[in-house]
PDB file of all heavy atoms in Angstrom:
ATOM      1  N   ARG A   1      75.104  80.196-134.157  1.00  0.00           N
ATOM      2  CA  ARG A   1      73.997  81.084-133.832  1.00  0.00           C
ATOM      3  C   ARG A   1      74.481  82.183-132.899  1.00  0.00           C
ATOM      4  O   ARG A   1      75.196  81.919-131.917  1.00  0.00           O
ATOM      5  CB  ARG A   1      72.861  80.301-133.176  1.00  0.00           C
ATOM      6  CG  ARG A   1      72.208  79.266-134.084  1.00  0.00           C
ATOM      7  CD  ARG A   1      71.191  78.445-133.315  1.00  0.00           C
ATOM      8  NE  ARG A   1      70.132  79.293-132.763  1.00  0.00           N
ATOM      9  CZ  ARG A   1      69.339  78.930-131.751  1.00  0.00           C
ATOM     10  NH1 ARG A   1      69.518  77.742-131.182  1.00  0.00           N
ATOM     11  NH2 ARG A   1      68.393  79.740-131.315  1.00  0.00           N
ATOM     12  N   LEU A   2      74.102  83.423-133.198  1.00  0.00           N
ATOM     13  CA  LEU A   2      74.467  84.561-132.366  1.00  0.00           C
ATOM     14  C   LEU A   2      73.344  84.846-131.376  1.00  0.00           C
ATOM     15  O   LEU A   2      72.177  84.549-131.627  1.00  0.00           O
ATOM     16  CB  LEU A   2      74.721  85.795-133.228  1.00  0.00           C
ATOM     17  CG  LEU A   2      75.802  85.669-134.306  1.00  0.00           C
ATOM     18  CD1 LEU A   2      75.895  86.948-135.113  1.00  0.00           C
ATOM     19  CD2 LEU A   2      77.151  85.329-133.690  1.00  0.00           C
ATOM     20  N   GLY A   3      73.702  85.436-130.257  1.00  0.00           N
ATOM     21  CA  GLY A   3      72.706  85.842-129.276  1.00  0.00           C
ATOM     22  C   GLY A   3      72.998  85.277-127.898  1.00  0.00           C
ATOM     23  O   GLY A   3      73.583  84.198-127.766  1.00  0.00           O
ATOM     24  N   LEU A   4      72.560  86.004-126.889  1.00  0.00           N
ATOM     25  CA  LEU A   4      72.821  85.593-125.513  1.00  0.00           C
ATOM     26  C   LEU A   4      72.085  84.301-125.165  1.00  0.00           C
ATOM     27  O   LEU A   4      72.657  83.390-124.559  1.00  0.00           O
ATOM     28  CB  LEU A   4      72.402  86.723-124.566  1.00  0.00           C
ATOM     29  CG  LEU A   4      72.680  86.518-123.081  1.00  0.00           C
ATOM     30  CD1 LEU A   4      74.152  86.216-122.836  1.00  0.00           C
ATOM     31  CD2 LEU A   4      72.249  87.755-122.303  1.00  0.00           C
ATOM     32  N   ARG A   5      70.822  84.202-125.555  1.00  0.00           N
ATOM     33  CA  ARG A   5      70.055  83.003-125.215  1.00  0.00           C
ATOM     34  C   ARG A   5      70.611  81.770-125.919  1.00  0.00           C
ATOM     35  O   ARG A   5      70.704  80.695-125.319  1.00  0.00           O
ATOM     36  CB  ARG A   5      68.591  83.226-125.583  1.00  0.00           C
ATOM     37  CG  ARG A   5      67.689  82.063-125.218  1.00  0.00           C
ATOM     38  CD  ARG A   5      66.228  82.411-125.421  1.00  0.00           C
ATOM     39  NE  ARG A   5      65.830  83.513-124.558  1.00  0.00           N
ATOM     40  CZ  ARG A   5      64.616  84.048-124.555  1.00  0.00           C
ATOM     41  NH1 ARG A   5      63.686  83.588-125.397  1.00  0.00           N
ATOM     42  NH2 ARG A   5      64.320  85.027-123.736  1.00  0.00           N
ATOM     43  N   ALA A   6      70.980  81.914-127.185  1.00  0.00           N
ATOM     44  CA  ALA A   6      71.478  80.770-127.946  1.00  0.00           C
ATOM     45  C   ALA A   6      72.813  80.258-127.417  1.00  0.00           C
ATOM     46  O   ALA A   6      73.173  79.105-127.638  1.00  0.00           O
ATOM     47  CB  ALA A   6      71.617  81.146-129.423  1.00  0.00           C
ATOM     48  N   ASN A   7      73.559  81.112-126.724  1.00  0.00           N
ATOM     49  CA  ASN A   7      74.895  80.748-126.247  1.00  0.00           C
ATOM     50  C   ASN A   7      75.012  80.894-124.729  1.00  0.00           C
ATOM     51  O   ASN A   7      76.095  81.160-124.199  1.00  0.00           O
ATOM     52  CB  ASN A   7      75.942  81.638-126.931  1.00  0.00           C
ATOM     53  CG  ASN A   7      75.975  81.446-128.435  1.00  0.00           C
ATOM     54  OD1 ASN A   7      76.478  80.456-128.935  1.00  0.00           O
ATOM     55  ND2 ASN A   7      75.408  82.407-129.167  1.00  0.00           N
ATOM     56  N   ALA A   8      73.891  80.709-124.032  1.00  0.00           N
ATOM     57  CA  ALA A   8      73.846  80.990-122.597  1.00  0.00           C
ATOM     58  C   ALA A   8      74.867  80.168-121.807  1.00  0.00           C
ATOM     59  O   ALA A   8      75.506  80.688-120.881  1.00  0.00           O
ATOM     60  CB  ALA A   8      72.438  80.733-122.061  1.00  0.00           C
ATOM     61  N   GLY A   9      75.041  78.900-122.148  1.00  0.00           N
ATOM     62  CA  GLY A   9      75.958  78.056-121.398  1.00  0.00           C
ATOM     63  C   GLY A   9      77.393  78.518-121.482  1.00  0.00           C
ATOM     64  O   GLY A   9      78.074  78.683-120.464  1.00  0.00           O
ATOM     65  N   GLN A  10      77.881  78.723-122.709  1.00  0.00           N
ATOM     66  CA  GLN A  10      79.253  79.197-122.876  1.00  0.00           C
ATOM     67  C   GLN A  10      79.429  80.604-122.314  1.00  0.00           C
ATOM     68  O   GLN A  10      80.462  80.922-121.725  1.00  0.00           O
ATOM     69  CB  GLN A  10      79.635  79.180-124.353  1.00  0.00           C
ATOM     70  CG  GLN A  10      80.159  77.852-124.843  1.00  0.00           C
ATOM     71  CD  GLN A  10      81.496  77.470-124.222  1.00  0.00           C
ATOM     72  OE1 GLN A  10      82.506  78.130-124.411  1.00  0.00           O
ATOM     73  NE2 GLN A  10      81.493  76.376-123.466  1.00  0.00           N
ATOM     74  N   PHE A  11      78.418  81.444-122.494  1.00  0.00           N
ATOM     75  CA  PHE A  11      78.510  82.804-121.978  1.00  0.00           C
ATOM     76  C   PHE A  11      78.665  82.780-120.460  1.00  0.00           C
ATOM     77  O   PHE A  11      79.543  83.457-119.898  1.00  0.00           O
ATOM     78  CB  PHE A  11      77.269  83.603-122.374  1.00  0.00           C
ATOM     79  CG  PHE A  11      77.357  85.064-122.040  1.00  0.00           C
ATOM     80  CD1 PHE A  11      77.835  85.971-122.970  1.00  0.00           C
ATOM     81  CD2 PHE A  11      76.966  85.535-120.799  1.00  0.00           C
ATOM     82  CE1 PHE A  11      77.934  87.319-122.663  1.00  0.00           C
ATOM     83  CE2 PHE A  11      77.064  86.880-120.481  1.00  0.00           C
ATOM     84  CZ  PHE A  11      77.541  87.775-121.422  1.00  0.00           C
ATOM     85  N   ALA A  12      77.828  81.995-119.775  1.00  0.00           N
ATOM     86  CA  ALA A  12      77.913  81.909-118.322  1.00  0.00           C
ATOM     87  C   ALA A  12      79.263  81.344-117.877  1.00  0.00           C
ATOM     88  O   ALA A  12      79.847  81.797-116.881  1.00  0.00           O
ATOM     89  CB  ALA A  12      76.772  81.047-117.786  1.00  0.00           C
ATOM     90  N   LEU A  13      79.760  80.356-118.607  1.00  0.00           N
ATOM     91  CA  LEU A  13      81.067  79.788-118.280  1.00  0.00           C
ATOM     92  C   LEU A  13      82.157  80.847-118.385  1.00  0.00           C
ATOM     93  O   LEU A  13      83.034  80.953-117.510  1.00  0.00           O
ATOM     94  CB  LEU A  13      81.366  78.621-119.215  1.00  0.00           C
ATOM     95  CG  LEU A  13      82.696  77.888-118.991  1.00  0.00           C
ATOM     96  CD1 LEU A  13      82.713  77.213-117.632  1.00  0.00           C
ATOM     97  CD2 LEU A  13      82.923  76.868-120.095  1.00  0.00           C
ATOM     98  N   LEU A  14      82.113  81.657-119.435  1.00  0.00           N
ATOM     99  CA  LEU A  14      83.118  82.700-119.622  1.00  0.00           C
ATOM    100  C   LEU A  14      83.002  83.798-118.571  1.00  0.00           C
ATOM    101  O   LEU A  14      84.005  84.414-118.194  1.00  0.00           O
ATOM    102  CB  LEU A  14      83.005  83.285-121.031  1.00  0.00           C
ATOM    103  CG  LEU A  14      83.504  82.353-122.146  1.00  0.00           C
ATOM    104  CD1 LEU A  14      83.036  82.857-123.504  1.00  0.00           C
ATOM    105  CD2 LEU A  14      85.027  82.250-122.117  1.00  0.00           C
ATOM    106  N   VAL A  15      81.784  84.083-118.107  1.00  0.00           N
ATOM    107  CA  VAL A  15      81.624  85.014-116.989  1.00  0.00           C
ATOM    108  C   VAL A  15      82.369  84.483-115.769  1.00  0.00           C
ATOM    109  O   VAL A  15      83.105  85.209-115.085  1.00  0.00           O
ATOM    110  CB  VAL A  15      80.132  85.232-116.672  1.00  0.00           C
ATOM    111  CG1 VAL A  15      79.960  85.974-115.336  1.00  0.00           C
ATOM    112  CG2 VAL A  15      79.452  86.036-117.781  1.00  0.00           C
ATOM    113  N   GLY A  16      82.206  83.190-115.485  1.00  0.00           N
ATOM    114  CA  GLY A  16      82.920  82.589-114.369  1.00  0.00           C
ATOM    115  C   GLY A  16      84.426  82.613-114.546  1.00  0.00           C
ATOM    116  O   GLY A  16      85.173  82.884-113.590  1.00  0.00           O
ATOM    117  N   VAL A  17      84.884  82.340-115.761  1.00  0.00           N
ATOM    118  CA  VAL A  17      86.327  82.377-116.033  1.00  0.00           C
ATOM    119  C   VAL A  17      86.885  83.767-115.772  1.00  0.00           C
ATOM    120  O   VAL A  17      87.951  83.935-115.172  1.00  0.00           O
ATOM    121  CB  VAL A  17      86.616  81.920-117.478  1.00  0.00           C
ATOM    122  CG1 VAL A  17      88.062  82.213-117.863  1.00  0.00           C
ATOM    123  CG2 VAL A  17      86.334  80.427-117.632  1.00  0.00           C
ATOM    124  N   ASN A  18      86.139  84.803-116.195  1.00  0.00           N
ATOM    125  CA  ASN A  18      86.665  86.153-115.969  1.00  0.00           C
ATOM    126  C   ASN A  18      86.625  86.539-114.495  1.00  0.00           C
ATOM    127  O   ASN A  18      87.408  87.375-114.051  1.00  0.00           O
ATOM    128  CB  ASN A  18      85.908  87.186-116.803  1.00  0.00           C
ATOM    129  CG  ASN A  18      86.781  88.390-117.079  1.00  0.00           C
ATOM    130  OD1 ASN A  18      87.908  88.255-117.548  1.00  0.00           O
ATOM    131  ND2 ASN A  18      86.285  89.576-116.762  1.00  0.00           N
ATOM    132  N   GLY A  19      85.721  85.915-113.729  1.00  0.00           N
ATOM    133  CA  GLY A  19      85.793  86.105-112.290  1.00  0.00           C
ATOM    134  C   GLY A  19      87.111  85.601-111.719  1.00  0.00           C
ATOM    135  O   GLY A  19      87.735  86.246-110.865  1.00  0.00           O
ATOM    136  N   LEU A  20      87.578  84.463-112.205  1.00  0.00           N
ATOM    137  CA  LEU A  20      88.872  83.941-111.769  1.00  0.00           C
ATOM    138  C   LEU A  20      90.021  84.837-112.222  1.00  0.00           C
ATOM    139  O   LEU A  20      90.997  85.038-111.489  1.00  0.00           O
ATOM    140  CB  LEU A  20      89.068  82.524-112.310  1.00  0.00           C
ATOM    141  CG  LEU A  20      88.076  81.475-111.796  1.00  0.00           C
ATOM    142  CD1 LEU A  20      88.214  80.180-112.582  1.00  0.00           C
ATOM    143  CD2 LEU A  20      88.283  81.219-110.305  1.00  0.00           C
ATOM    144  N   VAL A  21      89.898  85.407-113.434  1.00  0.00           N
ATOM    145  CA  VAL A  21      90.908  86.356-113.921  1.00  0.00           C
ATOM    146  C   VAL A  21      90.985  87.553-112.967  1.00  0.00           C
ATOM    147  O   VAL A  21      92.065  87.996-112.569  1.00  0.00           O
ATOM    148  CB  VAL A  21      90.570  86.823-115.351  1.00  0.00           C
ATOM    149  CG1 VAL A  21      91.555  87.903-115.804  1.00  0.00           C
ATOM    150  CG2 VAL A  21      90.612  85.650-116.329  1.00  0.00           C
ATOM    151  N   GLY A  22      89.823  88.085-112.590  1.00  0.00           N
ATOM    152  CA  GLY A  22      89.809  89.206-111.657  1.00  0.00           C
ATOM    153  C   GLY A  22      90.386  88.852-110.300  1.00  0.00           C
ATOM    154  O   GLY A  22      91.061  89.668-109.664  1.00  0.00           O
ATOM    155  N   GLY A  23      90.126  87.633-109.838  1.00  0.00           N
ATOM    156  CA  GLY A  23      90.665  87.217-108.558  1.00  0.00           C
ATOM    157  C   GLY A  23      92.184  87.224-108.512  1.00  0.00           C
ATOM    158  O   GLY A  23      92.789  87.482-107.463  1.00  0.00           O
ATOM    159  N   MET A  24      92.821  86.971-109.653  1.00  0.00           N
ATOM    160  CA  MET A  24      94.289  87.016-109.702  1.00  0.00           C
ATOM    161  C   MET A  24      94.827  88.421-109.426  1.00  0.00           C
ATOM    162  O   MET A  24      95.897  88.585-108.847  1.00  0.00           O
ATOM    163  CB  MET A  24      94.783  86.524-111.069  1.00  0.00           C
ATOM    164  CG  MET A  24      94.537  85.052-111.343  1.00  0.00           C
ATOM    165  SD  MET A  24      95.347  83.949-110.159  1.00  0.00           S
ATOM    166  CE  MET A  24      97.082  84.273-110.496  1.00  0.00           C
ATOM    167  N   VAL A  25      94.085  89.448-109.840  1.00  0.00           N
ATOM    168  CA  VAL A  25      94.466  90.826-109.508  1.00  0.00           C
ATOM    169  C   VAL A  25      94.073  91.152-108.074  1.00  0.00           C
ATOM    170  O   VAL A  25      94.822  91.806-107.340  1.00  0.00           O
ATOM    171  CB  VAL A  25      93.806  91.815-110.491  1.00  0.00           C
ATOM    172  CG1 VAL A  25      94.070  93.257-110.075  1.00  0.00           C
ATOM    173  CG2 VAL A  25      94.312  91.584-111.905  1.00  0.00           C
ATOM    174  N   GLY A  26      92.891  90.680-107.659  1.00  0.00           N
ATOM    175  CA  GLY A  26      92.395  90.994-106.332  1.00  0.00           C
ATOM    176  C   GLY A  26      93.308  90.526-105.209  1.00  0.00           C
ATOM    177  O   GLY A  26      93.348  91.151-104.143  1.00  0.00           O
ATOM    178  N   GLN A  27      94.065  89.454-105.419  1.00  0.00           N
ATOM    179  CA  GLN A  27      94.960  88.974-104.366  1.00  0.00           C
ATOM    180  C   GLN A  27      96.020  90.004-104.006  1.00  0.00           C
ATOM    181  O   GLN A  27      96.583  89.964-102.905  1.00  0.00           O
ATOM    182  CB  GLN A  27      95.633  87.659-104.800  1.00  0.00           C
ATOM    183  CG  GLN A  27      96.619  87.823-105.936  1.00  0.00           C
ATOM    184  CD  GLN A  27      97.273  86.523-106.363  1.00  0.00           C
ATOM    185  OE1 GLN A  27      97.597  85.669-105.537  1.00  0.00           O
ATOM    186  NE2 GLN A  27      97.456  86.356-107.663  1.00  0.00           N
ATOM    187  N   GLU A  28      96.288  90.969-104.912  1.00  0.00           N
ATOM    188  CA  GLU A  28      97.324  91.971-104.661  1.00  0.00           C
ATOM    189  C   GLU A  28      96.777  93.312-104.174  1.00  0.00           C
ATOM    190  O   GLU A  28      97.538  94.126-103.662  1.00  0.00           O
ATOM    191  CB  GLU A  28      98.118  92.234-105.949  1.00  0.00           C
ATOM    192  CG  GLU A  28      98.915  91.064-106.449  1.00  0.00           C
ATOM    193  CD  GLU A  28      99.877  91.470-107.568  1.00  0.00           C
ATOM    194  OE1 GLU A  28      99.843  92.645-108.000  1.00  0.00           O
ATOM    195  OE2 GLU A  28     100.652  90.609-107.991  1.00  0.00           O
ATOM    196  N   ARG A  29      95.481  93.585-104.373  1.00  0.00           N
ATOM    197  CA  ARG A  29      94.975  94.946-104.256  1.00  0.00           C
ATOM    198  C   ARG A  29      95.182  95.557-102.877  1.00  0.00           C
ATOM    199  O   ARG A  29      95.517  96.735-102.769  1.00  0.00           O
ATOM    200  CB  ARG A  29      93.485  94.972-104.584  1.00  0.00           C
ATOM    201  CG  ARG A  29      93.135  94.613-105.994  1.00  0.00           C
ATOM    202  CD  ARG A  29      93.483  95.665-106.986  1.00  0.00           C
ATOM    203  NE  ARG A  29      92.685  96.854-106.870  1.00  0.00           N
ATOM    204  CZ  ARG A  29      92.379  97.644-107.905  1.00  0.00           C
ATOM    205  NH1 ARG A  29      92.794  97.342-109.113  1.00  0.00           N
ATOM    206  NH2 ARG A  29      91.685  98.722-107.726  1.00  0.00           N
ATOM    207  N   THR A  30      94.961  94.807-101.837  1.00  0.00           N
ATOM    208  CA  THR A  30      95.126  95.349-100.495  1.00  0.00           C
ATOM    209  C   THR A  30      96.565  95.245-100.013  1.00  0.00           C
ATOM    210  O   THR A  30      97.082  96.151 -99.341  1.00  0.00           O
ATOM    211  CB  THR A  30      94.214  94.591 -99.505  1.00  0.00           C
ATOM    212  OG1 THR A  30      92.858  94.749 -99.909  1.00  0.00           O
ATOM    213  CG2 THR A  30      94.379  95.114 -98.089  1.00  0.00           C
ATOM    214  N   LEU A  31      97.252  94.168-100.380  1.00  0.00           N
ATOM    215  CA  LEU A  31      98.455  93.773 -99.654  1.00  0.00           C
ATOM    216  C   LEU A  31      99.772  94.222-100.250  1.00  0.00           C
ATOM    217  O   LEU A  31     100.735  94.440 -99.512  1.00  0.00           O
ATOM    218  CB  LEU A  31      98.472  92.244 -99.508  1.00  0.00           C
ATOM    219  CG  LEU A  31      97.271  91.617 -98.803  1.00  0.00           C
ATOM    220  CD1 LEU A  31      97.477  90.133 -98.655  1.00  0.00           C
ATOM    221  CD2 LEU A  31      97.028  92.266 -97.450  1.00  0.00           C
ATOM    222  N   LEU A  32      99.870  94.330-101.575  1.00  0.00           N
ATOM    223  CA  LEU A  32     101.195  94.515-102.153  1.00  0.00           C
ATOM    224  C   LEU A  32     101.876  95.825-101.730  1.00  0.00           C
ATOM    225  O   LEU A  32     103.062  95.811-101.392  1.00  0.00           O
ATOM    226  CB  LEU A  32     101.133  94.395-103.680  1.00  0.00           C
ATOM    227  CG  LEU A  32     102.186  93.444-104.274  1.00  0.00           C
ATOM    228  CD1 LEU A  32     102.137  92.085-103.622  1.00  0.00           C
ATOM    229  CD2 LEU A  32     101.998  93.314-105.774  1.00  0.00           C
ATOM    230  N   PRO A  33     101.181  96.972-101.732  1.00  0.00           N
ATOM    231  CA  PRO A  33     101.860  98.183-101.237  1.00  0.00           C
ATOM    232  C   PRO A  33     102.302  98.049 -99.781  1.00  0.00           C
ATOM    233  O   PRO A  33     103.387  98.526 -99.410  1.00  0.00           O
ATOM    234  CB  PRO A  33     100.791  99.274-101.405  1.00  0.00           C
ATOM    235  CG  PRO A  33      99.874  98.763-102.457  1.00  0.00           C
ATOM    236  CD  PRO A  33      99.839  97.277-102.252  1.00  0.00           C
ATOM    237  N   LEU A  34     101.477  97.400 -98.956  1.00  0.00           N
ATOM    238  CA  LEU A  34     101.833  97.209 -97.548  1.00  0.00           C
ATOM    239  C   LEU A  34     102.977  96.219 -97.404  1.00  0.00           C
ATOM    240  O   LEU A  34     103.827  96.357 -96.521  1.00  0.00           O
ATOM    241  CB  LEU A  34     100.610  96.725 -96.767  1.00  0.00           C
ATOM    242  CG  LEU A  34      99.372  97.626 -96.835  1.00  0.00           C
ATOM    243  CD1 LEU A  34      98.230  97.005 -96.041  1.00  0.00           C
ATOM    244  CD2 LEU A  34      99.686  99.022 -96.346  1.00  0.00           C
ATOM    245  N   LEU A  35     103.025  95.213 -98.281  1.00  0.00           N
ATOM    246  CA  LEU A  35     104.116  94.247 -98.263  1.00  0.00           C
ATOM    247  C   LEU A  35     105.443  94.948 -98.574  1.00  0.00           C
ATOM    248  O   LEU A  35     106.472  94.661 -97.945  1.00  0.00           O
ATOM    249  CB  LEU A  35     103.839  93.146 -99.288  1.00  0.00           C
ATOM    250  CG  LEU A  35     104.703  91.892 -99.241  1.00  0.00           C
ATOM    251  CD1 LEU A  35     104.480  91.125 -97.953  1.00  0.00           C
ATOM    252  CD2 LEU A  35     104.389  90.995-100.440  1.00  0.00           C
ATOM    253  N   GLY A  36     105.420  95.851 -99.555  1.00  0.00           N
ATOM    254  CA  GLY A  36     106.634  96.593 -99.872  1.00  0.00           C
ATOM    255  C   GLY A  36     107.132  97.396 -98.693  1.00  0.00           C
ATOM    256  O   GLY A  36     108.344  97.440 -98.411  1.00  0.00           O
ATOM    257  N   ARG A  37     106.214  98.039 -97.985  1.00  0.00           N
ATOM    258  CA  ARG A  37     106.609  98.855 -96.833  1.00  0.00           C
ATOM    259  C   ARG A  37     107.078  98.004 -95.656  1.00  0.00           C
ATOM    260  O   ARG A  37     108.126  98.279 -95.046  1.00  0.00           O
ATOM    261  CB  ARG A  37     105.414  99.719 -96.405  1.00  0.00           C
ATOM    262  CG  ARG A  37     105.716 100.704 -95.286  1.00  0.00           C
ATOM    263  CD  ARG A  37     104.426 101.267 -94.700  1.00  0.00           C
ATOM    264  NE  ARG A  37     103.636 100.219 -94.034  1.00  0.00           N
ATOM    265  CZ  ARG A  37     102.472 100.440 -93.438  1.00  0.00           C
ATOM    266  NH1 ARG A  37     101.942 101.651 -93.445  1.00  0.00           N
ATOM    267  NH2 ARG A  37     101.812  99.440 -92.854  1.00  0.00           N
TER     268      ARG A  37
END
C-alpha cells in the first residue's frame, strides 16, 4: 500500500535513521577546519 498514513511506522523509522546519517556529518562541521589549523 502506498501513502504516508499506510506506511507511517516505517516512514517515521527512516526519518530517524536519516537523522543519524546527518549526525555523522555534523560531528565534523564545526571542528574539522579548526583541527587542521
